[in-house]
Amino acid sequence: MVVEVATLHIRPDREDEFVAGFAAGAPILARQPGCLSLRWGRRVEPDLAYMLTVEWDAIEDHFRFRETKDFEVFGAKFREFLAKPPEVVHFEPRA
């Protein structure tokens, strides 16, 4: 398993729109092959950002998703409300 952690910096005047758009797009991500789970929520500090955590069966599943039409549809629901591109990292969890 690989865990993807994305930091999504939101334009301050567009938070409500981001939340609605991301909520609408989350089921698209959740139904992808290899997506085991996802969680997202507002970061407490230091600034306005949301965190997305996705557990993938393998990192290749994430990269395959990025090549699909679903990825474009998913991003189109909230991308315009971001202040900058997402910061994304992957890691292999240890017990």
PDB file of N, CA and C in Angstrom:
ATOM      1  N   MET A   1       0.840  -1.185   0.000  1.00  0.00           N
ATOM      2  CA  MET A   1       0.000   0.000   0.000  1.00  0.00           C
ATOM      3  C   MET A   1       0.884   1.247   0.000  1.00  0.00           C
ATOM      4  N   VAL A   2       0.383   2.276  -0.667  1.00  0.00           N
ATOM      5  CA  VAL A   2       1.038   3.583  -0.713  1.00  0.00           C
ATOM      6  C   VAL A   2       0.017   4.630  -0.299  1.00  0.00           C
ATOM      7  N   VAL A   3       0.459   5.594   0.494  1.00  0.00           N
ATOM      8  CA  VAL A   3      -0.418   6.676   0.935  1.00  0.00           C
ATOM      9  C   VAL A   3       0.000   7.965   0.243  1.00  0.00           C
ATOM     10  N   GLU A   4      -0.960   8.593  -0.373  1.00  0.00           N
ATOM     11  CA  GLU A   4      -0.768   9.899  -1.013  1.00  0.00           C
ATOM     12  C   GLU A   4      -1.274  10.957  -0.045  1.00  0.00           C
ATOM     13  N   VAL A   5      -0.490  11.985   0.169  1.00  0.00           N
ATOM     14  CA  VAL A   5      -0.907  13.114   0.994  1.00  0.00           C
ATOM     15  C   VAL A   5      -0.777  14.368   0.144  1.00  0.00           C
ATOM     16  N   ALA A   6      -1.881  15.057  -0.041  1.00  0.00           N
ATOM     17  CA  ALA A   6      -1.889  16.282  -0.847  1.00  0.00           C
ATOM     18  C   ALA A   6      -2.319  17.457   0.021  1.00  0.00           C
ATOM     19  N   THR A   7      -1.589  18.551  -0.106  1.00  0.00           N
ATOM     20  CA  THR A   7      -1.967  19.804   0.533  1.00  0.00           C
ATOM     21  C   THR A   7      -2.566  20.693  -0.536  1.00  0.00           C
ATOM     22  N   LEU A   8      -3.789  21.122  -0.303  1.00  0.00           N
ATOM     23  CA  LEU A   8      -4.531  21.937  -1.261  1.00  0.00           C
ATOM     24  C   LEU A   8      -4.715  23.331  -0.673  1.00  0.00           C
ATOM     25  N   HIS A   9      -3.965  24.290  -1.179  1.00  0.00           N
ATOM     26  CA  HIS A   9      -4.054  25.675  -0.702  1.00  0.00           C
ATOM     27  C   HIS A   9      -5.212  26.363  -1.428  1.00  0.00           C
ATOM     28  N   ILE A  10      -6.121  26.914  -0.650  1.00  0.00           N
ATOM     29  CA  ILE A  10      -7.364  27.461  -1.186  1.00  0.00           C
ATOM     30  C   ILE A  10      -7.323  28.978  -1.218  1.00  0.00           C
ATOM     31  N   ARG A  11      -7.896  29.548  -2.275  1.00  0.00           N
ATOM     32  CA  ARG A  11      -8.045  31.007  -2.322  1.00  0.00           C
ATOM     33  C   ARG A  11      -9.040  31.405  -1.233  1.00  0.00           C
ATOM     34  N   PRO A  12      -8.681  32.330  -0.369  1.00  0.00           N
ATOM     35  CA  PRO A  12      -9.519  32.658   0.800  1.00  0.00           C
ATOM     36  C   PRO A  12     -10.959  33.018   0.453  1.00  0.00           C
ATOM     37  N   ASP A  13     -11.170  33.664  -0.642  1.00  0.00           N
ATOM     38  CA  ASP A  13     -12.514  34.089  -1.010  1.00  0.00           C
ATOM     39  C   ASP A  13     -13.322  32.990  -1.702  1.00  0.00           C
ATOM     40  N   ARG A  14     -12.743  31.782  -1.837  1.00  0.00           N
ATOM     41  CA  ARG A  14     -13.406  30.716  -2.593  1.00  0.00           C
ATOM     42  C   ARG A  14     -13.553  29.412  -1.796  1.00  0.00           C
ATOM     43  N   GLU A  15     -13.389  29.474  -0.476  1.00  0.00           N
ATOM     44  CA  GLU A  15     -13.409  28.243   0.310  1.00  0.00           C
ATOM     45  C   GLU A  15     -14.730  27.485   0.189  1.00  0.00           C
ATOM     46  N   ASP A  16     -15.847  28.166   0.290  1.00  0.00           N
ATOM     47  CA  ASP A  16     -17.131  27.469   0.209  1.00  0.00           C
ATOM     48  C   ASP A  16     -17.302  26.763  -1.134  1.00  0.00           C
ATOM     49  N   GLU A  17     -16.874  27.435  -2.201  1.00  0.00           N
ATOM     50  CA  GLU A  17     -16.971  26.826  -3.528  1.00  0.00           C
ATOM     51  C   GLU A  17     -16.034  25.620  -3.646  1.00  0.00           C
ATOM     52  N   PHE A  18     -14.842  25.749  -3.068  1.00  0.00           N
ATOM     53  CA  PHE A  18     -13.917  24.617  -3.076  1.00  0.00           C
ATOM     54  C   PHE A  18     -14.544  23.416  -2.380  1.00  0.00           C
ATOM     55  N   VAL A  19     -15.085  23.630  -1.186  1.00  0.00           N
ATOM     56  CA  VAL A  19     -15.662  22.543  -0.408  1.00  0.00           C
ATOM     57  C   VAL A  19     -16.776  21.850  -1.192  1.00  0.00           C
ATOM     58  N   ALA A  20     -17.650  22.624  -1.794  1.00  0.00           N
ATOM     59  CA  ALA A  20     -18.746  22.035  -2.573  1.00  0.00           C
ATOM     60  C   ALA A  20     -18.213  21.258  -3.772  1.00  0.00           C
ATOM     61  N   GLY A  21     -17.249  21.836  -4.472  1.00  0.00           N
ATOM     62  CA  GLY A  21     -16.684  21.172  -5.642  1.00  0.00           C
ATOM     63  C   GLY A  21     -15.928  19.908  -5.281  1.00  0.00           C
ATOM     64  N   PHE A  22     -15.114  19.984  -4.228  1.00  0.00           N
ATOM     65  CA  PHE A  22     -14.354  18.803  -3.842  1.00  0.00           C
ATOM     66  C   PHE A  22     -15.282  17.695  -3.362  1.00  0.00           C
ATOM     67  N   ALA A  23     -16.299  18.061  -2.593  1.00  0.00           N
ATOM     68  CA  ALA A  23     -17.266  17.063  -2.125  1.00  0.00           C
ATOM     69  C   ALA A  23     -17.948  16.377  -3.308  1.00  0.00           C
ATOM     70  N   ALA A  24     -18.234  17.135  -4.361  1.00  0.00           N
ATOM     71  CA  ALA A  24     -18.852  16.556  -5.555  1.00  0.00           C
ATOM     72  C   ALA A  24     -17.874  15.652  -6.304  1.00  0.00           C
ATOM     73  N   GLY A  25     -16.591  15.974  -6.255  1.00  0.00           N
ATOM     74  CA  GLY A  25     -15.593  15.194  -6.976  1.00  0.00           C
ATOM     75  C   GLY A  25     -15.059  13.984  -6.228  1.00  0.00           C
ATOM     76  N   ALA A  26     -15.164  13.982  -4.913  1.00  0.00           N
ATOM     77  CA  ALA A  26     -14.597  12.891  -4.114  1.00  0.00           C
ATOM     78  C   ALA A  26     -15.092  11.501  -4.524  1.00  0.00           C
ATOM     79  N   PRO A  27     -16.369  11.320  -4.854  1.00  0.00           N
ATOM     80  CA  PRO A  27     -16.802   9.982  -5.275  1.00  0.00           C
ATOM     81  C   PRO A  27     -16.110   9.502  -6.558  1.00  0.00           C
ATOM     82  N   ILE A  28     -15.714  10.421  -7.412  1.00  0.00           N
ATOM     83  CA  ILE A  28     -14.972  10.037  -8.624  1.00  0.00           C
ATOM     84  C   ILE A  28     -13.649   9.417  -8.235  1.00  0.00           C
ATOM     85  N   LEU A  29     -12.952  10.048  -7.300  1.00  0.00           N
ATOM     86  CA  LEU A  29     -11.684   9.519  -6.825  1.00  0.00           C
ATOM     87  C   LEU A  29     -11.881   8.193  -6.104  1.00  0.00           C
ATOM     88  N   ALA A  30     -12.884   8.123  -5.255  1.00  0.00           N
ATOM     89  CA  ALA A  30     -13.108   6.928  -4.431  1.00  0.00           C
ATOM     90  C   ALA A  30     -13.398   5.682  -5.261  1.00  0.00           C
ATOM     91  N   ARG A  31     -13.950   5.841  -6.451  1.00  0.00           N
ATOM     92  CA  ARG A  31     -14.314   4.665  -7.253  1.00  0.00           C
ATOM     93  C   ARG A  31     -13.184   4.164  -8.163  1.00  0.00           C
ATOM     94  N   GLN A  32     -12.030   4.808  -8.098  1.00  0.00           N
ATOM     95  CA  GLN A  32     -10.928   4.426  -8.971  1.00  0.00           C
ATOM     96  C   GLN A  32     -10.336   3.076  -8.575  1.00  0.00           C
ATOM     97  N   PRO A  33      -9.939   2.278  -9.574  1.00  0.00           N
ATOM     98  CA  PRO A  33      -9.268   1.013  -9.260  1.00  0.00           C
ATOM     99  C   PRO A  33      -8.032   1.271  -8.401  1.00  0.00           C
ATOM    100  N   GLY A  34      -7.899   0.517  -7.338  1.00  0.00           N
ATOM    101  CA  GLY A  34      -6.744   0.646  -6.466  1.00  0.00           C
ATOM    102  C   GLY A  34      -6.907   1.657  -5.350  1.00  0.00           C
ATOM    103  N   CYS A  35      -7.964   2.469  -5.378  1.00  0.00           N
ATOM    104  CA  CYS A  35      -8.204   3.427  -4.296  1.00  0.00           C
ATOM    105  C   CYS A  35      -8.861   2.674  -3.147  1.00  0.00           C
ATOM    106  N   LEU A  36      -8.127   2.566  -2.047  1.00  0.00           N
ATOM    107  CA  LEU A  36      -8.621   1.824  -0.898  1.00  0.00           C
ATOM    108  C   LEU A  36      -9.439   2.693   0.052  1.00  0.00           C
ATOM    109  N   SER A  37      -9.047   3.958   0.189  1.00  0.00           N
ATOM    110  CA  SER A  37      -9.783   4.884   1.044  1.00  0.00           C
ATOM    111  C   SER A  37      -9.303   6.298   0.775  1.00  0.00           C
ATOM    112  N   LEU A  38     -10.104   7.259   1.196  1.00  0.00           N
ATOM    113  CA  LEU A  38      -9.680   8.657   1.138  1.00  0.00           C
ATOM    114  C   LEU A  38     -10.314   9.411   2.284  1.00  0.00           C
ATOM    115  N   ARG A  39      -9.574  10.422   2.729  1.00  0.00           N
ATOM    116  CA  ARG A  39     -10.045  11.336   3.776  1.00  0.00           C
ATOM    117  C   ARG A  39      -9.581  12.722   3.391  1.00  0.00           C
ATOM    118  N   TRP A  40     -10.408  13.709   3.705  1.00  0.00           N
ATOM    119  CA  TRP A  40     -10.001  15.089   3.447  1.00  0.00           C
ATOM    120  C   TRP A  40     -10.639  15.992   4.482  1.00  0.00           C
ATOM    121  N   GLY A  41      -9.974  17.096   4.731  1.00  0.00           N
ATOM    122  CA  GLY A  41     -10.500  18.045   5.689  1.00  0.00           C
ATOM    123  C   GLY A  41      -9.642  19.295   5.751  1.00  0.00           C
ATOM    124  N   ARG A  42     -10.139  20.270   6.473  1.00  0.00           N
ATOM    125  CA  ARG A  42      -9.470  21.574   6.588  1.00  0.00           C
ATOM    126  C   ARG A  42      -8.290  21.471   7.542  1.00  0.00           C
ATOM    127  N   ARG A  43      -7.165  22.007   7.104  1.00  0.00           N
ATOM    128  CA  ARG A  43      -5.990  22.056   7.967  1.00  0.00           C
ATOM    129  C   ARG A  43      -6.240  23.093   9.060  1.00  0.00           C
ATOM    130  N   VAL A  44      -5.838  22.782  10.273  1.00  0.00           N
ATOM    131  CA  VAL A  44      -6.077  23.665  11.413  1.00  0.00           C
ATOM    132  C   VAL A  44      -5.162  24.890  11.359  1.00  0.00           C
ATOM    133  N   GLU A  45      -3.914  24.697  10.988  1.00  0.00           N
ATOM    134  CA  GLU A  45      -2.976  25.812  10.913  1.00  0.00           C
ATOM    135  C   GLU A  45      -1.817  25.416  10.009  1.00  0.00           C
ATOM    136  N   PRO A  46      -1.014  26.282   9.485  1.00  0.00           N
ATOM    137  CA  PRO A  46      -0.927  27.702   9.798  1.00  0.00           C
ATOM    138  C   PRO A  46      -1.758  28.587   8.869  1.00  0.00           C
ATOM    139  N   ASP A  47      -2.206  28.093   7.711  1.00  0.00           N
ATOM    140  CA  ASP A  47      -2.974  28.939   6.799  1.00  0.00           C
ATOM    141  C   ASP A  47      -4.090  28.116   6.172  1.00  0.00           C
ATOM    142  N   LEU A  48      -4.853  28.745   5.308  1.00  0.00           N
ATOM    143  CA  LEU A  48      -6.008  28.090   4.706  1.00  0.00           C
ATOM    144  C   LEU A  48      -5.564  27.026   3.702  1.00  0.00           C
ATOM    145  N   ALA A  49      -5.750  25.800   4.085  1.00  0.00           N
ATOM    146  CA  ALA A  49      -5.438  24.678   3.205  1.00  0.00           C
ATOM    147  C   ALA A  49      -6.292  23.487   3.624  1.00  0.00           C
ATOM    148  N   TYR A  50      -6.469  22.586   2.699  1.00  0.00           N
ATOM    149  CA  TYR A  50      -7.132  21.324   2.970  1.00  0.00           C
ATOM    150  C   TYR A  50      -6.133  20.212   2.726  1.00  0.00           C
ATOM    151  N   MET A  51      -6.307  19.135   3.467  1.00  0.00           N
ATOM    152  CA  MET A  51      -5.444  17.971   3.326  1.00  0.00           C
ATOM    153  C   MET A  51      -6.268  16.827   2.744  1.00  0.00           C
ATOM    154  N   LEU A  52      -5.680  16.128   1.802  1.00  0.00           N
ATOM    155  CA  LEU A  52      -6.290  14.939   1.214  1.00  0.00           C
ATOM    156  C   LEU A  52      -5.333  13.777   1.444  1.00  0.00           C
ATOM    157  N   THR A  53      -5.854  12.689   1.980  1.00  0.00           N
ATOM    158  CA  THR A  53      -5.070  11.474   2.166  1.00  0.00           C
ATOM    159  C   THR A  53      -5.780  10.353   1.420  1.00  0.00           C
ATOM    160  N   VAL A  54      -5.049   9.710   0.519  1.00  0.00           N
ATOM    161  CA  VAL A  54      -5.605   8.606  -0.255  1.00  0.00           C
ATOM    162  C   VAL A  54      -4.721   7.379  -0.060  1.00  0.00           C
ATOM    163  N   GLU A  55      -5.331   6.278   0.317  1.00  0.00           N
ATOM    164  CA  GLU A  55      -4.613   5.010   0.375  1.00  0.00           C
ATOM    165  C   GLU A  55      -4.831   4.298  -0.954  1.00  0.00           C
ATOM    166  N   TRP A  56      -3.719   4.023  -1.618  1.00  0.00           N
ATOM    167  CA  TRP A  56      -3.742   3.314  -2.894  1.00  0.00           C
ATOM    168  C   TRP A  56      -3.160   1.919  -2.693  1.00  0.00           C
ATOM    169  N   ASP A  57      -3.669   0.976  -3.427  1.00  0.00           N
ATOM    170  CA  ASP A  57      -3.117  -0.370  -3.399  1.00  0.00           C
ATOM    171  C   ASP A  57      -1.653  -0.334  -3.839  1.00  0.00           C
ATOM    172  N   ALA A  58      -1.373   0.450  -4.875  1.00  0.00           N
ATOM    173  CA  ALA A  58      -0.002   0.621  -5.387  1.00  0.00           C
ATOM    174  C   ALA A  58       0.117   2.017  -5.989  1.00  0.00           C
ATOM    175  N   ILE A  59       1.315   2.554  -6.020  1.00  0.00           N
ATOM    176  CA  ILE A  59       1.514   3.901  -6.569  1.00  0.00           C
ATOM    177  C   ILE A  59       1.101   3.966  -8.039  1.00  0.00           C
ATOM    178  N   GLU A  60       1.236   2.842  -8.732  1.00  0.00           N
ATOM    179  CA  GLU A  60       0.841   2.802 -10.146  1.00  0.00           C
ATOM    180  C   GLU A  60      -0.642   3.104 -10.320  1.00  0.00           C
ATOM    181  N   ASP A  61      -1.458   2.724  -9.334  1.00  0.00           N
ATOM    182  CA  ASP A  61      -2.892   3.023  -9.415  1.00  0.00           C
ATOM    183  C   ASP A  61      -3.130   4.529  -9.439  1.00  0.00           C
ATOM    184  N   HIS A  62      -2.378   5.265  -8.632  1.00  0.00           N
ATOM    185  CA  HIS A  62      -2.505   6.724  -8.637  1.00  0.00           C
ATOM    186  C   HIS A  62      -2.082   7.288  -9.993  1.00  0.00           C
ATOM    187  N   PHE A  63      -0.963   6.831 -10.498  1.00  0.00           N
ATOM    188  CA  PHE A  63      -0.480   7.359 -11.778  1.00  0.00           C
ATOM    189  C   PHE A  63      -1.410   6.993 -12.929  1.00  0.00           C
ATOM    190  N   ARG A  64      -2.032   5.808 -12.890  1.00  0.00           N
ATOM    191  CA  ARG A  64      -3.016   5.450 -13.928  1.00  0.00           C
ATOM    192  C   ARG A  64      -4.226   6.387 -13.852  1.00  0.00           C
ATOM    193  N   PHE A  65      -4.689   6.683 -12.634  1.00  0.00           N
ATOM    194  CA  PHE A  65      -5.814   7.605 -12.468  1.00  0.00           C
ATOM    195  C   PHE A  65      -5.503   8.948 -13.104  1.00  0.00           C
ATOM    196  N   ARG A  66      -4.287   9.433 -12.942  1.00  0.00           N
ATOM    197  CA  ARG A  66      -3.905  10.738 -13.489  1.00  0.00           C
ATOM    198  C   ARG A  66      -3.986  10.790 -15.018  1.00  0.00           C
ATOM    199  N   GLU A  67      -4.027   9.640 -15.665  1.00  0.00           N
ATOM    200  CA  GLU A  67      -4.101   9.577 -17.125  1.00  0.00           C
ATOM    201  C   GLU A  67      -5.524   9.388 -17.650  1.00  0.00           C
ATOM    202  N   THR A  68      -6.513   9.453 -16.776  1.00  0.00           N
ATOM    203  CA  THR A  68      -7.890   9.174 -17.183  1.00  0.00           C
ATOM    204  C   THR A  68      -8.718  10.452 -17.342  1.00  0.00           C
ATOM    205  N   LYS A  69      -9.823  10.298 -18.034  1.00  0.00           N
ATOM    206  CA  LYS A  69     -10.802  11.380 -18.155  1.00  0.00           C
ATOM    207  C   LYS A  69     -11.386  11.703 -16.772  1.00  0.00           C
ATOM    208  N   ASP A  70     -11.556  10.688 -15.935  1.00  0.00           N
ATOM    209  CA  ASP A  70     -12.064  10.916 -14.578  1.00  0.00           C
ATOM    210  C   ASP A  70     -11.183  11.897 -13.808  1.00  0.00           C
ATOM    211  N   PHE A  71      -9.865  11.829 -14.011  1.00  0.00           N
ATOM    212  CA  PHE A  71      -8.960  12.748 -13.315  1.00  0.00           C
ATOM    213  C   PHE A  71      -9.260  14.187 -13.715  1.00  0.00           C
ATOM    214  N   GLU A  72      -9.489  14.412 -15.005  1.00  0.00           N
ATOM    215  CA  GLU A  72      -9.812  15.753 -15.478  1.00  0.00           C
ATOM    216  C   GLU A  72     -11.137  16.235 -14.903  1.00  0.00           C
ATOM    217  N   VAL A  73     -12.131  15.366 -14.882  1.00  0.00           N
ATOM    218  CA  VAL A  73     -13.444  15.730 -14.345  1.00  0.00           C
ATOM    219  C   VAL A  73     -13.331  16.026 -12.849  1.00  0.00           C
ATOM    220  N   PHE A  74     -12.601  15.183 -12.128  1.00  0.00           N
ATOM    221  CA  PHE A  74     -12.374  15.373 -10.691  1.00  0.00           C
ATOM    222  C   PHE A  74     -11.747  16.740 -10.427  1.00  0.00           C
ATOM    223  N   GLY A  75     -10.657  17.047 -11.085  1.00  0.00           N
ATOM    224  CA  GLY A  75      -9.964  18.317 -10.872  1.00  0.00           C
ATOM    225  C   GLY A  75     -10.776  19.527 -11.293  1.00  0.00           C
ATOM    226  N   ALA A  76     -11.570  19.386 -12.338  1.00  0.00           N
ATOM    227  CA  ALA A  76     -12.371  20.511 -12.828  1.00  0.00           C
ATOM    228  C   ALA A  76     -13.402  20.976 -11.805  1.00  0.00           C
ATOM    229  N   LYS A  77     -13.742  20.127 -10.862  1.00  0.00           N
ATOM    230  CA  LYS A  77     -14.753  20.479  -9.863  1.00  0.00           C
ATOM    231  C   LYS A  77     -14.227  21.445  -8.805  1.00  0.00           C
ATOM    232  N   PHE A  78     -12.891  21.551  -8.664  1.00  0.00           N
ATOM    233  CA  PHE A  78     -12.350  22.413  -7.603  1.00  0.00           C
ATOM    234  C   PHE A  78     -11.063  23.145  -7.975  1.00  0.00           C
ATOM    235  N   ARG A  79     -10.416  22.806  -9.056  1.00  0.00           N
ATOM    236  CA  ARG A  79      -9.088  23.356  -9.378  1.00  0.00           C
ATOM    237  C   ARG A  79      -9.060  24.882  -9.429  1.00  0.00           C
ATOM    238  N   GLU A  80     -10.106  25.504  -9.921  1.00  0.00           N
ATOM    239  CA  GLU A  80     -10.100  26.968 -10.058  1.00  0.00           C
ATOM    240  C   GLU A  80     -10.106  27.688  -8.706  1.00  0.00           C
ATOM    241  N   PHE A  81     -10.380  26.955  -7.637  1.00  0.00           N
ATOM    242  CA  PHE A  81     -10.432  27.564  -6.312  1.00  0.00           C
ATOM    243  C   PHE A  81      -9.123  27.429  -5.540  1.00  0.00           C
ATOM    244  N   LEU A  82      -8.125  26.824  -6.171  1.00  0.00           N
ATOM    245  CA  LEU A  82      -6.824  26.652  -5.529  1.00  0.00           C
ATOM    246  C   LEU A  82      -5.974  27.905  -5.699  1.00  0.00           C
ATOM    247  N   ALA A  83      -5.210  28.228  -4.666  1.00  0.00           N
ATOM    248  CA  ALA A  83      -4.306  29.379  -4.716  1.00  0.00           C
ATOM    249  C   ALA A  83      -3.013  29.042  -5.454  1.00  0.00           C
ATOM    250  N   LYS A  84      -2.659  27.750  -5.480  1.00  0.00           N
ATOM    251  CA  LYS A  84      -1.463  27.287  -6.172  1.00  0.00           C
ATOM    252  C   LYS A  84      -1.606  25.787  -6.405  1.00  0.00           C
ATOM    253  N   PRO A  85      -0.734  25.198  -7.212  1.00  0.00           N
ATOM    254  CA  PRO A  85      -0.850  23.757  -7.456  1.00  0.00           C
ATOM    255  C   PRO A  85      -0.723  22.949  -6.160  1.00  0.00           C
ATOM    256  N   PRO A  86      -1.405  21.813  -6.089  1.00  0.00           N
ATOM    257  CA  PRO A  86      -1.316  20.971  -4.896  1.00  0.00           C
ATOM    258  C   PRO A  86       0.115  20.481  -4.661  1.00  0.00           C
ATOM    259  N   GLU A  87       0.448  20.313  -3.402  1.00  0.00           N
ATOM    260  CA  GLU A  87       1.716  19.697  -3.008  1.00  0.00           C
ATOM    261  C   GLU A  87       1.396  18.243  -2.678  1.00  0.00           C
ATOM    262  N   VAL A  88       1.980  17.299  -3.426  1.00  0.00           N
ATOM    263  CA  VAL A  88       1.644  15.895  -3.282  1.00  0.00           C
ATOM    264  C   VAL A  88       2.889  15.065  -2.978  1.00  0.00           C
ATOM    265  N   VAL A  89       2.789  14.211  -1.978  1.00  0.00           N
ATOM    266  CA  VAL A  89       3.842  13.258  -1.650  1.00  0.00           C
ATOM    267  C   VAL A  89       3.199  11.883  -1.455  1.00  0.00           C
ATOM    268  N   HIS A  90       4.024  10.861  -1.610  1.00  0.00           N
ATOM    269  CA  HIS A  90       3.594   9.482  -1.384  1.00  0.00           C
ATOM    270  C   HIS A  90       4.530   8.839  -0.370  1.00  0.00           C
ATOM    271  N   PHE A  91       3.976   7.964   0.454  1.00  0.00           N
ATOM    272  CA  PHE A  91       4.849   7.225   1.373  1.00  0.00           C
ATOM    273  C   PHE A  91       4.282   5.828   1.607  1.00  0.00           C
ATOM    274  N   GLU A  92       5.165   4.941   2.018  1.00  0.00           N
ATOM    275  CA  GLU A  92       4.773   3.583   2.392  1.00  0.00           C
ATOM    276  C   GLU A  92       4.683   3.539   3.913  1.00  0.00           C
ATOM    277  N   PRO A  93       3.496   3.314   4.453  1.00  0.00           N
ATOM    278  CA  PRO A  93       3.353   3.323   5.906  1.00  0.00           C
ATOM    279  C   PRO A  93       4.055   2.135   6.555  1.00  0.00           C
ATOM    280  N   ARG A  94       4.519   2.360   7.736  1.00  0.00           N
ATOM    281  CA  ARG A  94       5.121   1.332   8.589  1.00  0.00           C
ATOM    282  C   ARG A  94       4.277   1.261   9.847  1.00  0.00           C
ATOM    283  N   ALA A  95       4.137   0.095  10.374  1.00  0.00           N
ATOM    284  CA  ALA A  95       3.278  -0.089  11.561  1.00  0.00           C
ATOM    285  C   ALA A  95       3.775   0.639  12.728  1.00  0.00           C
TER     286      ALA A  95
END
